[in-house]
Each structure stands twice: as C-alpha cells, then as structure tokens.
PDB file of N, CA and C in Angstrom:
ATOM      1  N   MET A   1      80.919 -21.436 -78.228  1.00  0.00           N
ATOM      2  CA  MET A   1      81.091 -20.871 -76.917  1.00  0.00           C
ATOM      3  C   MET A   1      82.215 -21.643 -76.219  1.00  0.00           C
ATOM      4  N   THR A   2      83.124 -20.945 -75.670  1.00  0.00           N
ATOM      5  CA  THR A   2      84.276 -21.546 -75.032  1.00  0.00           C
ATOM      6  C   THR A   2      84.274 -21.182 -73.550  1.00  0.00           C
ATOM      7  N   VAL A   3      84.566 -22.184 -72.712  1.00  0.00           N
ATOM      8  CA  VAL A   3      84.618 -21.962 -71.271  1.00  0.00           C
ATOM      9  C   VAL A   3      86.080 -22.057 -70.852  1.00  0.00           C
ATOM     10  N   ASN A   4      86.553 -21.023 -70.244  1.00  0.00           N
ATOM     11  CA  ASN A   4      87.933 -21.002 -69.767  1.00  0.00           C
ATOM     12  C   ASN A   4      87.923 -21.043 -68.242  1.00  0.00           C
ATOM     13  N   LEU A   5      88.383 -22.144 -67.693  1.00  0.00           N
ATOM     14  CA  LEU A   5      88.428 -22.302 -66.242  1.00  0.00           C
ATOM     15  C   LEU A   5      89.872 -22.426 -65.794  1.00  0.00           C
ATOM     16  N   THR A   6      90.145 -21.802 -64.688  1.00  0.00           N
ATOM     17  CA  THR A   6      91.481 -21.940 -64.118  1.00  0.00           C
ATOM     18  C   THR A   6      91.520 -23.204 -63.264  1.00  0.00           C
ATOM     19  N   SER A   7      92.713 -23.628 -62.933  1.00  0.00           N
ATOM     20  CA  SER A   7      92.848 -24.835 -62.110  1.00  0.00           C
ATOM     21  C   SER A   7      92.252 -24.606 -60.721  1.00  0.00           C
ATOM     22  N   THR A   8      92.283 -23.401 -60.213  1.00  0.00           N
ATOM     23  CA  THR A   8      91.681 -23.090 -58.917  1.00  0.00           C
ATOM     24  C   THR A   8      90.173 -23.252 -58.970  1.00  0.00           C
ATOM     25  N   GLN A   9      89.562 -22.804 -60.061  1.00  0.00           N
ATOM     26  CA  GLN A   9      88.109 -22.933 -60.207  1.00  0.00           C
ATOM     27  C   GLN A   9      87.708 -24.410 -60.336  1.00  0.00           C
ATOM     28  N   ILE A  10      88.501 -25.175 -61.048  1.00  0.00           N
ATOM     29  CA  ILE A  10      88.204 -26.606 -61.196  1.00  0.00           C
ATOM     30  C   ILE A  10      88.327 -27.305 -59.845  1.00  0.00           C
ATOM     31  N   LEU A  11      89.383 -27.014 -59.086  1.00  0.00           N
ATOM     32  CA  LEU A  11      89.548 -27.613 -57.766  1.00  0.00           C
ATOM     33  C   LEU A  11      88.432 -27.193 -56.819  1.00  0.00           C
ATOM     34  N   ALA A  12      87.997 -25.938 -56.922  1.00  0.00           N
ATOM     35  CA  ALA A  12      86.888 -25.471 -56.079  1.00  0.00           C
ATOM     36  C   ALA A  12      85.607 -26.223 -56.435  1.00  0.00           C
ATOM     37  N   GLY A  13      85.351 -26.436 -57.702  1.00  0.00           N
ATOM     38  CA  GLY A  13      84.161 -27.182 -58.127  1.00  0.00           C
ATOM     39  C   GLY A  13      84.193 -28.625 -57.660  1.00  0.00           C
ATOM     40  N   VAL A  14      85.349 -29.261 -57.778  1.00  0.00           N
ATOM     41  CA  VAL A  14      85.492 -30.643 -57.304  1.00  0.00           C
ATOM     42  C   VAL A  14      85.307 -30.694 -55.791  1.00  0.00           C
ATOM     43  N   GLY A  15      85.830 -29.712 -55.081  1.00  0.00           N
ATOM     44  CA  GLY A  15      85.659 -29.653 -53.626  1.00  0.00           C
ATOM     45  C   GLY A  15      84.206 -29.516 -53.231  1.00  0.00           C
ATOM     46  N   VAL A  16      83.473 -28.660 -53.945  1.00  0.00           N
ATOM     47  CA  VAL A  16      82.040 -28.484 -53.660  1.00  0.00           C
ATOM     48  C   VAL A  16      81.290 -29.791 -53.913  1.00  0.00           C
ATOM     49  N   LEU A  17      81.639 -30.486 -54.996  1.00  0.00           N
ATOM     50  CA  LEU A  17      80.988 -31.772 -55.278  1.00  0.00           C
ATOM     51  C   LEU A  17      81.293 -32.799 -54.195  1.00  0.00           C
ATOM     52  N   LEU A  18      82.533 -32.842 -53.718  1.00  0.00           N
ATOM     53  CA  LEU A  18      82.888 -33.789 -52.662  1.00  0.00           C
ATOM     54  C   LEU A  18      82.170 -33.461 -51.358  1.00  0.00           C
ATOM     55  N   ILE A  19      82.064 -32.196 -51.038  1.00  0.00           N
ATOM     56  CA  ILE A  19      81.336 -31.801 -49.828  1.00  0.00           C
ATOM     57  C   ILE A  19      79.858 -32.159 -49.945  1.00  0.00           C
ATOM     58  N   ALA A  20      79.271 -31.919 -51.114  1.00  0.00           N
ATOM     59  CA  ALA A  20      77.864 -32.272 -51.324  1.00  0.00           C
ATOM     60  C   ALA A  20      77.659 -33.779 -51.180  1.00  0.00           C
ATOM     61  N   LEU A  21      78.576 -34.568 -51.713  1.00  0.00           N
ATOM     62  CA  LEU A  21      78.491 -36.022 -51.597  1.00  0.00           C
ATOM     63  C   LEU A  21      78.613 -36.463 -50.139  1.00  0.00           C
ATOM     64  N   ALA A  22      79.532 -35.860 -49.400  1.00  0.00           N
ATOM     65  CA  ALA A  22      79.711 -36.211 -47.991  1.00  0.00           C
ATOM     66  C   ALA A  22      78.462 -35.868 -47.176  1.00  0.00           C
ATOM     67  N   VAL A  23      77.862 -34.706 -47.421  1.00  0.00           N
ATOM     68  CA  VAL A  23      76.646 -34.308 -46.710  1.00  0.00           C
ATOM     69  C   VAL A  23      75.505 -35.261 -47.038  1.00  0.00           C
ATOM     70  N   TRP A  24      75.408 -35.656 -48.304  1.00  0.00           N
ATOM     71  CA  TRP A  24      74.339 -36.582 -48.711  1.00  0.00           C
ATOM     72  C   TRP A  24      74.512 -37.936 -48.024  1.00  0.00           C
ATOM     73  N   ARG A  25      75.751 -38.453 -47.979  1.00  0.00           N
ATOM     74  CA  ARG A  25      75.993 -39.745 -47.334  1.00  0.00           C
ATOM     75  C   ARG A  25      75.748 -39.671 -45.832  1.00  0.00           C
ATOM     76  N   PHE A  26      76.145 -38.568 -45.206  1.00  0.00           N
ATOM     77  CA  PHE A  26      75.909 -38.397 -43.780  1.00  0.00           C
ATOM     78  C   PHE A  26      74.409 -38.369 -43.494  1.00  0.00           C
ATOM     79  N   GLY A  27      73.650 -37.693 -44.337  1.00  0.00           N
ATOM     80  CA  GLY A  27      72.194 -37.641 -44.170  1.00  0.00           C
ATOM     81  C   GLY A  27      71.556 -39.011 -44.332  1.00  0.00           C
ATOM     82  N   ALA A  28      72.060 -39.790 -45.279  1.00  0.00           N
ATOM     83  CA  ALA A  28      71.524 -41.135 -45.488  1.00  0.00           C
ATOM     84  C   ALA A  28      71.817 -42.025 -44.283  1.00  0.00           C
ATOM     85  N   ARG A  29      73.021 -41.922 -43.734  1.00  0.00           N
ATOM     86  CA  ARG A  29      73.361 -42.722 -42.543  1.00  0.00           C
ATOM     87  C   ARG A  29      72.508 -42.314 -41.353  1.00  0.00           C
ATOM     88  N   LYS A  30      72.335 -41.015 -41.191  1.00  0.00           N
ATOM     89  CA  LYS A  30      71.530 -40.527 -40.079  1.00  0.00           C
ATOM     90  C   LYS A  30      70.078 -40.986 -40.226  1.00  0.00           C
ATOM     91  N   ALA A  31      69.547 -40.957 -41.437  1.00  0.00           N
ATOM     92  CA  ALA A  31      68.177 -41.424 -41.673  1.00  0.00           C
ATOM     93  C   ALA A  31      68.057 -42.914 -41.401  1.00  0.00           C
ATOM     94  N   ARG A  32      69.071 -43.684 -41.783  1.00  0.00           N
ATOM     95  CA  ARG A  32      69.046 -45.132 -41.535  1.00  0.00           C
ATOM     96  C   ARG A  32      69.059 -45.419 -40.040  1.00  0.00           C
ATOM     97  N   ARG A  33      69.896 -44.678 -39.294  1.00  0.00           N
ATOM     98  CA  ARG A  33      69.923 -44.868 -37.841  1.00  0.00           C
ATOM     99  C   ARG A  33      68.592 -44.505 -37.203  1.00  0.00           C
ATOM    100  N   ALA A  34      67.979 -43.429 -37.681  1.00  0.00           N
ATOM    101  CA  ALA A  34      66.682 -43.023 -37.135  1.00  0.00           C
ATOM    102  C   ALA A  34      65.618 -44.077 -37.439  1.00  0.00           C
ATOM    103  N   ALA A  35      65.654 -44.641 -38.637  1.00  0.00           N
ATOM    104  CA  ALA A  35      64.683 -45.679 -38.994  1.00  0.00           C
ATOM    105  C   ALA A  35      64.891 -46.932 -38.148  1.00  0.00           C
ATOM    106  N   ASP A  36      66.150 -47.312 -37.914  1.00  0.00           N
ATOM    107  CA  ASP A  36      66.428 -48.479 -37.071  1.00  0.00           C
ATOM    108  C   ASP A  36      65.937 -48.248 -35.643  1.00  0.00           C
ATOM    109  N   ALA A  37      66.154 -47.047 -35.120  1.00  0.00           N
ATOM    110  CA  ALA A  37      65.689 -46.731 -33.768  1.00  0.00           C
ATOM    111  C   ALA A  37      64.166 -46.758 -33.698  1.00  0.00           C
ATOM    112  N   ALA A  38      63.504 -46.257 -34.729  1.00  0.00           N
ATOM    113  CA  ALA A  38      62.038 -46.269 -34.749  1.00  0.00           C
ATOM    114  C   ALA A  38      61.513 -47.698 -34.803  1.00  0.00           C
ATOM    115  N   ARG A  39      62.175 -48.549 -35.603  1.00  0.00           N
ATOM    116  CA  ARG A  39      61.755 -49.947 -35.676  1.00  0.00           C
ATOM    117  C   ARG A  39      61.928 -50.646 -34.336  1.00  0.00           C
ATOM    118  N   ALA A  40      63.039 -50.372 -33.664  1.00  0.00           N
ATOM    119  CA  ALA A  40      63.301 -51.008 -32.372  1.00  0.00           C
ATOM    120  C   ALA A  40      62.263 -50.579 -31.341  1.00  0.00           C
ATOM    121  N   SER A  41      61.926 -49.296 -31.308  1.00  0.00           N
ATOM    122  CA  SER A  41      60.926 -48.842 -30.335  1.00  0.00           C
ATOM    123  C   SER A  41      59.545 -49.377 -30.686  1.00  0.00           C
ATOM    124  N   ALA A  42      59.245 -49.511 -31.982  1.00  0.00           N
ATOM    125  CA  ALA A  42      57.957 -50.081 -32.371  1.00  0.00           C
ATOM    126  C   ALA A  42      57.862 -51.544 -31.944  1.00  0.00           C
ATOM    127  N   ARG A  43      58.987 -52.273 -32.026  1.00  0.00           N
ATOM    128  CA  ARG A  43      58.986 -53.665 -31.564  1.00  0.00           C
ATOM    129  C   ARG A  43      58.685 -53.747 -30.079  1.00  0.00           C
ATOM    130  N   VAL A  44      59.275 -52.848 -29.296  1.00  0.00           N
ATOM    131  CA  VAL A  44      59.054 -52.864 -27.849  1.00  0.00           C
ATOM    132  C   VAL A  44      57.597 -52.563 -27.536  1.00  0.00           C
ATOM    133  N   VAL A  45      57.032 -51.568 -28.210  1.00  0.00           N
ATOM    134  CA  VAL A  45      55.632 -51.205 -27.970  1.00  0.00           C
ATOM    135  C   VAL A  45      54.709 -52.336 -28.406  1.00  0.00           C
ATOM    136  N   SER A  46      55.014 -52.952 -29.536  1.00  0.00           N
ATOM    137  CA  SER A  46      54.199 -54.061 -30.024  1.00  0.00           C
ATOM    138  C   SER A  46      54.267 -55.238 -29.058  1.00  0.00           C
ATOM    139  N   LEU A  47      55.458 -55.545 -28.568  1.00  0.00           N
ATOM    140  CA  LEU A  47      55.607 -56.637 -27.615  1.00  0.00           C
ATOM    141  C   LEU A  47      54.853 -56.339 -26.325  1.00  0.00           C
ATOM    142  N   ALA A  48      54.951 -55.113 -25.842  1.00  0.00           N
ATOM    143  CA  ALA A  48      54.241 -54.743 -24.612  1.00  0.00           C
ATOM    144  C   ALA A  48      52.732 -54.873 -24.810  1.00  0.00           C
ATOM    145  N   GLY A  49      52.232 -54.473 -25.959  1.00  0.00           N
ATOM    146  CA  GLY A  49      50.803 -54.606 -26.234  1.00  0.00           C
ATOM    147  C   GLY A  49      50.351 -56.054 -26.254  1.00  0.00           C
ATOM    148  N   ARG A  50      51.158 -56.913 -26.891  1.00  0.00           N
ATOM    149  CA  ARG A  50      50.799 -58.336 -26.932  1.00  0.00           C
ATOM    150  C   ARG A  50      50.834 -58.955 -25.544  1.00  0.00           C
ATOM    151  N   VAL A  51      51.833 -58.576 -24.736  1.00  0.00           N
ATOM    152  CA  VAL A  51      51.931 -59.116 -23.376  1.00  0.00           C
ATOM    153  C   VAL A  51      50.721 -58.675 -22.553  1.00  0.00           C
ATOM    154  N   LEU A  52      50.355 -57.406 -22.641  1.00  0.00           N
ATOM    155  CA  LEU A  52      49.195 -56.913 -21.881  1.00  0.00           C
ATOM    156  C   LEU A  52      47.899 -57.586 -22.333  1.00  0.00           C
ATOM    157  N   PHE A  53      47.723 -57.763 -23.637  1.00  0.00           N
ATOM    158  CA  PHE A  53      46.515 -58.406 -24.140  1.00  0.00           C
ATOM    159  C   PHE A  53      46.433 -59.856 -23.684  1.00  0.00           C
ATOM    160  N   THR A  54      47.538 -60.587 -23.786  1.00  0.00           N
ATOM    161  CA  THR A  54      47.535 -61.989 -23.366  1.00  0.00           C
ATOM    162  C   THR A  54      47.305 -62.109 -21.863  1.00  0.00           C
ATOM    163  N   GLY A  55      47.940 -61.242 -21.094  1.00  0.00           N
ATOM    164  CA  GLY A  55      47.727 -61.251 -19.644  1.00  0.00           C
ATOM    165  C   GLY A  55      46.286 -60.967 -19.283  1.00  0.00           C
ATOM    166  N   ALA A  56      45.676 -60.002 -19.984  1.00  0.00           N
ATOM    167  CA  ALA A  56      44.267 -59.687 -19.726  1.00  0.00           C
ATOM    168  C   ALA A  56      43.367 -60.868 -20.097  1.00  0.00           C
ATOM    169  N   ALA A  57      43.695 -61.559 -21.181  1.00  0.00           N
ATOM    170  CA  ALA A  57      42.904 -62.729 -21.570  1.00  0.00           C
ATOM    171  C   ALA A  57      43.011 -63.824 -20.517  1.00  0.00           C
ATOM    172  N   PHE A  58      44.220 -64.093 -20.018  1.00  0.00           N
ATOM    173  CA  PHE A  58      44.398 -65.102 -18.971  1.00  0.00           C
ATOM    174  C   PHE A  58      43.612 -64.734 -17.713  1.00  0.00           C
ATOM    175  N   VAL A  59      43.737 -63.473 -17.293  1.00  0.00           N
ATOM    176  CA  VAL A  59      43.037 -63.031 -16.089  1.00  0.00           C
ATOM    177  C   VAL A  59      41.525 -63.131 -16.273  1.00  0.00           C
ATOM    178  N   GLY A  60      41.034 -62.774 -17.452  1.00  0.00           N
ATOM    179  CA  GLY A  60      39.594 -62.849 -17.709  1.00  0.00           C
ATOM    180  C   GLY A  60      39.064 -64.271 -17.631  1.00  0.00           C
ATOM    181  N   VAL A  61      39.774 -65.200 -18.247  1.00  0.00           N
ATOM    182  CA  VAL A  61      39.333 -66.602 -18.210  1.00  0.00           C
ATOM    183  C   VAL A  61      39.431 -67.154 -16.793  1.00  0.00           C
ATOM    184  N   GLN A  62      40.511 -66.825 -16.096  1.00  0.00           N
ATOM    185  CA  GLN A  62      40.648 -67.297 -14.717  1.00  0.00           C
ATOM    186  C   GLN A  62      39.557 -66.722 -13.827  1.00  0.00           C
ATOM    187  N   TRP A  63      39.264 -65.460 -13.990  1.00  0.00           N
ATOM    188  CA  TRP A  63      38.211 -64.828 -13.192  1.00  0.00           C
ATOM    189  C   TRP A  63      36.865 -65.500 -13.467  1.00  0.00           C
ATOM    190  N   LEU A  64      36.595 -65.789 -14.727  1.00  0.00           N
ATOM    191  CA  LEU A  64      35.330 -66.430 -15.102  1.00  0.00           C
ATOM    192  C   LEU A  64      35.206 -67.807 -14.458  1.00  0.00           C
ATOM    193  N   VAL A  65      36.266 -68.604 -14.472  1.00  0.00           N
ATOM    194  CA  VAL A  65      36.208 -69.950 -13.905  1.00  0.00           C
ATOM    195  C   VAL A  65      36.132 -69.893 -12.381  1.00  0.00           C
ATOM    196  N   ILE A  66      36.858 -68.970 -11.756  1.00  0.00           N
ATOM    197  CA  ILE A  66      36.856 -68.892 -10.292  1.00  0.00           C
ATOM    198  C   ILE A  66      35.507 -68.401  -9.774  1.00  0.00           C
ATOM    199  N   THR A  67      34.868 -67.470 -10.465  1.00  0.00           N
ATOM    200  CA  THR A  67      33.585 -66.934  -9.993  1.00  0.00           C
ATOM    201  C   THR A  67      32.428 -67.895 -10.255  1.00  0.00           C
ATOM    202  N   HIS A  68      32.620 -68.883 -11.115  1.00  0.00           N
ATOM    203  CA  HIS A  68      31.577 -69.881 -11.383  1.00  0.00           C
ATOM    204  C   HIS A  68      32.135 -71.261 -11.044  1.00  0.00           C
ATOM    205  N   PRO A  69      32.265 -71.577  -9.735  1.00  0.00           N
ATOM    206  CA  PRO A  69      32.889 -72.848  -9.342  1.00  0.00           C
ATOM    207  C   PRO A  69      31.993 -74.035  -9.671  1.00  0.00           C
ATOM    208  N   GLY A  70      32.589 -75.189  -9.612  1.00  0.00           N
ATOM    209  CA  GLY A  70      31.812 -76.392  -9.853  1.00  0.00           C
ATOM    210  C   GLY A  70      32.653 -77.525 -10.379  1.00  0.00           C
ATOM    211  N   ASN A  71      33.716 -77.231 -11.130  1.00  0.00           N
ATOM    212  CA  ASN A  71      34.546 -78.278 -11.702  1.00  0.00           C
ATOM    213  C   ASN A  71      35.997 -78.044 -11.254  1.00  0.00           C
ATOM    214  N   PRO A  72      36.472 -78.820 -10.293  1.00  0.00           N
ATOM    215  CA  PRO A  72      37.835 -78.585  -9.794  1.00  0.00           C
ATOM    216  C   PRO A  72      38.918 -78.870 -10.840  1.00  0.00           C
ATOM    217  N   THR A  73      38.671 -79.806 -11.763  1.00  0.00           N
ATOM    218  CA  THR A  73      39.656 -80.093 -12.809  1.00  0.00           C
ATOM    219  C   THR A  73      39.822 -78.880 -13.724  1.00  0.00           C
ATOM    220  N   LEU A  74      38.701 -78.272 -14.119  1.00  0.00           N
ATOM    221  CA  LEU A  74      38.758 -77.069 -14.953  1.00  0.00           C
ATOM    222  C   LEU A  74      39.489 -75.947 -14.227  1.00  0.00           C
ATOM    223  N   LEU A  75      39.248 -75.814 -12.945  1.00  0.00           N
ATOM    224  CA  LEU A  75      39.925 -74.790 -12.150  1.00  0.00           C
ATOM    225  C   LEU A  75      41.434 -75.019 -12.145  1.00  0.00           C
ATOM    226  N   LEU A  76      41.867 -76.253 -11.956  1.00  0.00           N
ATOM    227  CA  LEU A  76      43.305 -76.548 -11.961  1.00  0.00           C
ATOM    228  C   LEU A  76      43.929 -76.306 -13.336  1.00  0.00           C
ATOM    229  N   VAL A  77      43.214 -76.663 -14.394  1.00  0.00           N
ATOM    230  CA  VAL A  77      43.735 -76.438 -15.748  1.00  0.00           C
ATOM    231  C   VAL A  77      43.865 -74.948 -16.029  1.00  0.00           C
ATOM    232  N   VAL A  78      42.830 -74.190 -15.693  1.00  0.00           N
ATOM    233  CA  VAL A  78      42.832 -72.756 -15.987  1.00  0.00           C
ATOM    234  C   VAL A  78      43.912 -72.034 -15.183  1.00  0.00           C
ATOM    235  N   LEU A  79      44.183 -72.498 -13.962  1.00  0.00           N
ATOM    236  CA  LEU A  79      45.224 -71.861 -13.173  1.00  0.00           C
ATOM    237  C   LEU A  79      46.624 -72.397 -13.509  1.00  0.00           C
ATOM    238  N   GLY A  80      46.721 -73.608 -14.045  1.00  0.00           N
ATOM    239  CA  GLY A  80      48.017 -74.218 -14.320  1.00  0.00           C
ATOM    240  C   GLY A  80      48.592 -73.904 -15.689  1.00  0.00           C
ATOM    241  N   VAL A  81      47.757 -73.787 -16.712  1.00  0.00           N
ATOM    242  CA  VAL A  81      48.250 -73.558 -18.075  1.00  0.00           C
ATOM    243  C   VAL A  81      49.047 -72.252 -18.189  1.00  0.00           C
ATOM    244  N   PRO A  82      48.574 -71.130 -17.640  1.00  0.00           N
ATOM    245  CA  PRO A  82      49.397 -69.912 -17.729  1.00  0.00           C
ATOM    246  C   PRO A  82      50.753 -70.065 -17.038  1.00  0.00           C
ATOM    247  N   ASP A  83      50.797 -70.816 -15.939  1.00  0.00           N
ATOM    248  CA  ASP A  83      52.075 -71.049 -15.276  1.00  0.00           C
ATOM    249  C   ASP A  83      53.022 -71.851 -16.164  1.00  0.00           C
ATOM    250  N   LEU A  84      52.498 -72.872 -16.844  1.00  0.00           N
ATOM    251  CA  LEU A  84      53.334 -73.660 -17.741  1.00  0.00           C
ATOM    252  C   LEU A  84      53.848 -72.815 -18.898  1.00  0.00           C
ATOM    253  N   ILE A  85      52.990 -71.972 -19.455  1.00  0.00           N
ATOM    254  CA  ILE A  85      53.409 -71.101 -20.559  1.00  0.00           C
ATOM    255  C   ILE A  85      54.486 -70.125 -20.082  1.00  0.00           C
ATOM    256  N   ALA A  86      54.273 -69.516 -18.908  1.00  0.00           N
ATOM    257  CA  ALA A  86      55.263 -68.576 -18.371  1.00  0.00           C
ATOM    258  C   ALA A  86      56.589 -69.282 -18.093  1.00  0.00           C
ATOM    259  N   ALA A  87      56.534 -70.501 -17.555  1.00  0.00           N
ATOM    260  CA  ALA A  87      57.761 -71.246 -17.287  1.00  0.00           C
ATOM    261  C   ALA A  87      58.500 -71.558 -18.577  1.00  0.00           C
ATOM    262  N   HIS A  88      57.769 -71.931 -19.622  1.00  0.00           N
ATOM    263  CA  HIS A  88      58.386 -72.226 -20.914  1.00  0.00           C
ATOM    264  C   HIS A  88      59.056 -70.978 -21.489  1.00  0.00           C
ATOM    265  N   VAL A  89      58.348 -69.864 -21.469  1.00  0.00           N
ATOM    266  CA  VAL A  89      58.895 -68.623 -22.026  1.00  0.00           C
ATOM    267  C   VAL A  89      60.132 -68.178 -21.252  1.00  0.00           C
ATOM    268  N   LEU A  90      60.058 -68.218 -19.928  1.00  0.00           N
ATOM    269  CA  LEU A  90      61.218 -67.809 -19.128  1.00  0.00           C
ATOM    270  C   LEU A  90      62.406 -68.747 -19.330  1.00  0.00           C
ATOM    271  N   THR A  91      62.148 -70.037 -19.432  1.00  0.00           N
ATOM    272  CA  THR A  91      63.237 -70.989 -19.646  1.00  0.00           C
ATOM    273  C   THR A  91      63.911 -70.737 -20.985  1.00  0.00           C
ATOM    274  N   ARG A  92      63.137 -70.513 -22.028  1.00  0.00           N
ATOM    275  CA  ARG A  92      63.724 -70.233 -23.345  1.00  0.00           C
ATOM    276  C   ARG A  92      64.466 -68.917 -23.350  1.00  0.00           C
ATOM    277  N   ALA A  93      63.928 -67.910 -22.658  1.00  0.00           N
ATOM    278  CA  ALA A  93      64.566 -66.589 -22.654  1.00  0.00           C
ATOM    279  C   ALA A  93      65.876 -66.605 -21.875  1.00  0.00           C
ATOM    280  N   LEU A  94      65.960 -67.412 -20.847  1.00  0.00           N
ATOM    281  CA  LEU A  94      67.141 -67.404 -19.990  1.00  0.00           C
ATOM    282  C   LEU A  94      68.153 -68.491 -20.329  1.00  0.00           C
ATOM    283  N   THR A  95      67.849 -69.342 -21.304  1.00  0.00           N
ATOM    284  CA  THR A  95      68.749 -70.405 -21.693  1.00  0.00           C
ATOM    285  C   THR A  95      69.496 -69.998 -22.956  1.00  0.00           C
ATOM    286  N   VAL A  96      70.818 -70.055 -22.896  1.00  0.00           N
ATOM    287  CA  VAL A  96      71.634 -69.746 -24.071  1.00  0.00           C
ATOM    288  C   VAL A  96      71.939 -71.063 -24.762  1.00  0.00           C
ATOM    289  N   THR A  97      71.432 -71.214 -25.982  1.00  0.00           N
ATOM    290  CA  THR A  97      71.634 -72.469 -26.701  1.00  0.00           C
ATOM    291  C   THR A  97      72.727 -72.368 -27.746  1.00  0.00           C
ATOM    292  N   SER A  98      72.943 -71.184 -28.295  1.00  0.00           N
ATOM    293  CA  SER A  98      73.989 -71.020 -29.295  1.00  0.00           C
ATOM    294  C   SER A  98      74.426 -69.571 -29.313  1.00  0.00           C
ATOM    295  N   LEU A  99      75.565 -69.371 -29.927  1.00  0.00           N
ATOM    296  CA  LEU A  99      76.057 -68.014 -30.092  1.00  0.00           C
ATOM    297  C   LEU A  99      75.551 -67.515 -31.429  1.00  0.00           C
ATOM    298  N   ASP A 100      74.547 -66.650 -31.401  1.00  0.00           N
ATOM    299  CA  ASP A 100      73.958 -66.150 -32.632  1.00  0.00           C
ATOM    300  C   ASP A 100      74.766 -64.959 -33.133  1.00  0.00           C
ATOM    301  N   THR A 101      75.541 -65.185 -34.158  1.00  0.00           N
ATOM    302  CA  THR A 101      76.293 -64.104 -34.783  1.00  0.00           C
ATOM    303  C   THR A 101      75.952 -64.090 -36.258  1.00  0.00           C
ATOM    304  N   THR A 102      75.929 -62.915 -36.797  1.00  0.00           N
ATOM    305  CA  THR A 102      75.647 -62.787 -38.223  1.00  0.00           C
ATOM    306  C   THR A 102      76.904 -62.280 -38.912  1.00  0.00           C
ATOM    307  N   ARG A 103      77.144 -62.834 -40.073  1.00  0.00           N
ATOM    308  CA  ARG A 103      78.284 -62.403 -40.874  1.00  0.00           C
ATOM    309  C   ARG A 103      77.786 -61.668 -42.097  1.00  0.00           C
ATOM    310  N   ARG A 104      78.491 -60.646 -42.434  1.00  0.00           N
ATOM    311  CA  ARG A 104      78.166 -59.941 -43.664  1.00  0.00           C
ATOM    312  C   ARG A 104      78.890 -60.626 -44.813  1.00  0.00           C
ATOM    313  N   GLY A 105      78.259 -60.691 -45.927  1.00  0.00           N
ATOM    314  CA  GLY A 105      78.875 -61.311 -47.090  1.00  0.00           C
ATOM    315  C   GLY A 105      78.378 -62.715 -47.329  1.00  0.00           C
ATOM    316  N   GLY A 106      77.956 -63.387 -46.275  1.00  0.00           N
ATOM    317  CA  GLY A 106      77.344 -64.690 -46.403  1.00  0.00           C
ATOM    318  C   GLY A 106      78.264 -65.820 -46.823  1.00  0.00           C
ATOM    319  N   GLY A 107      79.546 -65.579 -46.980  1.00  0.00           N
ATOM    320  CA  GLY A 107      80.432 -66.639 -47.441  1.00  0.00           C
ATOM    321  C   GLY A 107      81.169 -67.313 -46.304  1.00  0.00           C
ATOM    322  N   ARG A 108      81.863 -68.409 -46.652  1.00  0.00           N
ATOM    323  CA  ARG A 108      82.672 -69.092 -45.654  1.00  0.00           C
ATOM    324  C   ARG A 108      83.975 -68.341 -45.476  1.00  0.00           C
ATOM    325  N   ARG A 109      84.523 -68.426 -44.280  1.00  0.00           N
ATOM    326  CA  ARG A 109      85.794 -67.735 -44.014  1.00  0.00           C
ATOM    327  C   ARG A 109      86.794 -68.692 -43.480  1.00  0.00           C
TER     328      ARG A 109
END
C-alpha cells in the first residue's frame, strides 16, 4: 500500500499538530494557574480558621479566669500572655529582616 501526499497535505498535517500542541500547552498553563489560585485561597481560609480557633481559645480561657476570681497572678498571666503573643507576631510580620528572593536553576550567578 502506497500513500501519496502532496506538500500541501503534509504542511496542513504539521500545522494541525502544532495547533494541537499549542492548545495542549495553553490548557496545561491554565490548569496550573487555577491550581495555584486554589492553593492560595485554601491557605487564606486555613489561616483564618486557625486565627479564629486560637482567638476563641484565648477568649474562653480568659472568660473562665475572670468569672472565677481569686488569684490575681493567674489573672495577670491569662490577660498578659495573649498580648505578648500578639506583639511577637506583629513584630515579626512588620519587620523586614532580609530580601527573600528565589532563583530558578539553583546555581550561582
């Protein structure tokens, strides 16, 4: 069996293959961007959940100590520790210690 193709048919076939490859690569990039966006939003939701849970735990312990008075040292500790933690977190978040840049390739330049 012999296949006789003209140069136009061969160029058309190569063109179709190139278009298919371009569509596939575009779809892969779009899927990667969508996955990155989903990961970023999941991080925000996860962080918000942890912040709400920790805040509720602090409020619960503080409420318990305030409603059952008797030890002023315990009261000062329970009210002071969350402030120290918040001050530490805010100081670290607002302090720039280094320029964090990532290089692709991992080599020296």
